[in-house]
Amino acid sequence: MSFIDEMPFSLILIACLTLGLAPFAPPHIWEKLGMLASGTLVKPVDIFDLVLHGVPWLLLILKLTRLNRA
């Protein structure tokens, strides 16, 4: 967790706004989350895509949780 504590908040925010939302119309993460909810997320490339676009958001949630507990 010290790795997350040392990461600048601005870097995580930029990653969320660029990689986390790319492509911007519509955001890829919404499409993949919809596929996950409907049960059609079965191809390895789609799972990789969800992980790729979801990691910045998970880092942001972890960073905010760690900052809130401090």
C-alpha atoms as a PDB file:
ATOM      1  CA  MET A   1       0.000   0.000   0.000  1.00  0.00           C
ATOM      2  CA  SER A   2       2.955   2.319   0.362  1.00  0.00           C
ATOM      3  CA  PHE A   3       3.210   2.340  -3.438  1.00  0.00           C
ATOM      4  CA  ILE A   4      -0.270   3.861  -3.643  1.00  0.00           C
ATOM      5  CA  ASP A   5       0.533   6.317  -0.854  1.00  0.00           C
ATOM      6  CA  GLU A   6       3.606   7.539  -2.762  1.00  0.00           C
ATOM      7  CA  MET A   7       1.784   7.986  -6.088  1.00  0.00           C
ATOM      8  CA  PRO A   8       0.834  11.607  -6.753  1.00  0.00           C
ATOM      9  CA  PHE A   9      -2.909  12.171  -6.714  1.00  0.00           C
ATOM     10  CA  SER A  10      -2.631  14.228  -9.910  1.00  0.00           C
ATOM     11  CA  LEU A  11      -1.069  11.290 -11.796  1.00  0.00           C
ATOM     12  CA  ILE A  12      -3.909   8.974 -10.813  1.00  0.00           C
ATOM     13  CA  LEU A  13      -6.488  11.585 -11.757  1.00  0.00           C
ATOM     14  CA  ILE A  14      -4.897  12.127 -15.177  1.00  0.00           C
ATOM     15  CA  ALA A  15      -4.834   8.346 -15.732  1.00  0.00           C
ATOM     16  CA  CYS A  16      -8.547   8.159 -14.903  1.00  0.00           C
ATOM     17  CA  LEU A  17      -9.427  10.986 -17.260  1.00  0.00           C
ATOM     18  CA  THR A  18      -7.346   9.648 -20.156  1.00  0.00           C
ATOM     19  CA  LEU A  19      -6.945   5.865 -20.001  1.00  0.00           C
ATOM     20  CA  GLY A  20      -9.942   5.319 -17.749  1.00  0.00           C
ATOM     21  CA  LEU A  21     -12.371   7.077 -20.090  1.00  0.00           C
ATOM     22  CA  ALA A  22     -10.767   6.473 -23.505  1.00  0.00           C
ATOM     23  CA  PRO A  23     -12.302   6.394 -26.094  1.00  0.00           C
ATOM     24  CA  PHE A  24     -14.403   9.290 -24.976  1.00  0.00           C
ATOM     25  CA  ALA A  25     -17.642   8.742 -26.885  1.00  0.00           C
ATOM     26  CA  PRO A  26     -18.902   6.481 -25.322  1.00  0.00           C
ATOM     27  CA  PRO A  27     -16.382   5.670 -22.579  1.00  0.00           C
ATOM     28  CA  HIS A  28     -15.065   2.144 -23.064  1.00  0.00           C
ATOM     29  CA  ILE A  29     -15.340   1.348 -19.376  1.00  0.00           C
ATOM     30  CA  TRP A  30     -19.142   1.827 -19.458  1.00  0.00           C
ATOM     31  CA  GLU A  31     -19.431  -0.544 -22.412  1.00  0.00           C
ATOM     32  CA  LYS A  32     -17.339  -3.200 -20.672  1.00  0.00           C
ATOM     33  CA  LEU A  33     -19.217  -2.810 -17.376  1.00  0.00           C
ATOM     34  CA  GLY A  34     -22.472  -3.230 -19.302  1.00  0.00           C
ATOM     35  CA  MET A  35     -21.110  -6.390 -20.874  1.00  0.00           C
ATOM     36  CA  LEU A  36     -20.098  -7.631 -17.427  1.00  0.00           C
ATOM     37  CA  ALA A  37     -23.566  -6.928 -16.026  1.00  0.00           C
ATOM     38  CA  SER A  38     -25.306  -8.668 -18.924  1.00  0.00           C
ATOM     39  CA  GLY A  39     -22.980 -11.678 -18.831  1.00  0.00           C
ATOM     40  CA  THR A  40     -21.518 -11.185 -22.311  1.00  0.00           C
ATOM     41  CA  LEU A  41     -17.987 -10.379 -21.139  1.00  0.00           C
ATOM     42  CA  VAL A  42     -16.434 -13.684 -22.188  1.00  0.00           C
ATOM     43  CA  LYS A  43     -13.700 -12.924 -24.720  1.00  0.00           C
ATOM     44  CA  PRO A  44     -10.188 -12.582 -23.242  1.00  0.00           C
ATOM     45  CA  VAL A  45      -9.654  -9.319 -25.139  1.00  0.00           C
ATOM     46  CA  ASP A  46     -12.780  -7.836 -23.538  1.00  0.00           C
ATOM     47  CA  ILE A  47     -11.683  -8.935 -20.065  1.00  0.00           C
ATOM     48  CA  PHE A  48      -8.240  -7.410 -20.673  1.00  0.00           C
ATOM     49  CA  ASP A  49      -9.921  -4.231 -21.887  1.00  0.00           C
ATOM     50  CA  LEU A  50     -12.024  -4.010 -18.717  1.00  0.00           C
ATOM     51  CA  VAL A  51      -8.920  -4.463 -16.563  1.00  0.00           C
ATOM     52  CA  LEU A  52      -6.927  -1.936 -18.601  1.00  0.00           C
ATOM     53  CA  HIS A  53      -9.576   0.770 -18.388  1.00  0.00           C
ATOM     54  CA  GLY A  54     -10.578  -0.130 -14.819  1.00  0.00           C
ATOM     55  CA  VAL A  55      -7.191  -0.057 -13.074  1.00  0.00           C
ATOM     56  CA  PRO A  56      -6.935   3.768 -12.938  1.00  0.00           C
ATOM     57  CA  TRP A  57     -10.365   3.931 -11.283  1.00  0.00           C
ATOM     58  CA  LEU A  58      -9.403   1.252  -8.752  1.00  0.00           C
ATOM     59  CA  LEU A  59      -6.208   3.160  -7.939  1.00  0.00           C
ATOM     60  CA  LEU A  60      -8.256   6.335  -7.451  1.00  0.00           C
ATOM     61  CA  ILE A  61     -10.655   4.558  -5.086  1.00  0.00           C
ATOM     62  CA  LEU A  62      -7.762   3.059  -3.114  1.00  0.00           C
ATOM     63  CA  LYS A  63      -5.956   6.421  -2.938  1.00  0.00           C
ATOM     64  CA  LEU A  64      -9.098   8.232  -1.734  1.00  0.00           C
ATOM     65  CA  THR A  65      -9.766   5.513   0.835  1.00  0.00           C
ATOM     66  CA  ARG A  66      -6.193   5.713   2.133  1.00  0.00           C
ATOM     67  CA  LEU A  67      -6.351   9.522   2.305  1.00  0.00           C
ATOM     68  CA  ASN A  68      -9.685   9.405   4.103  1.00  0.00           C
ATOM     69  CA  ARG A  69      -8.352   7.043   6.779  1.00  0.00           C
ATOM     70  CA  ALA A  70      -5.256   9.130   7.478  1.00  0.00           C
END
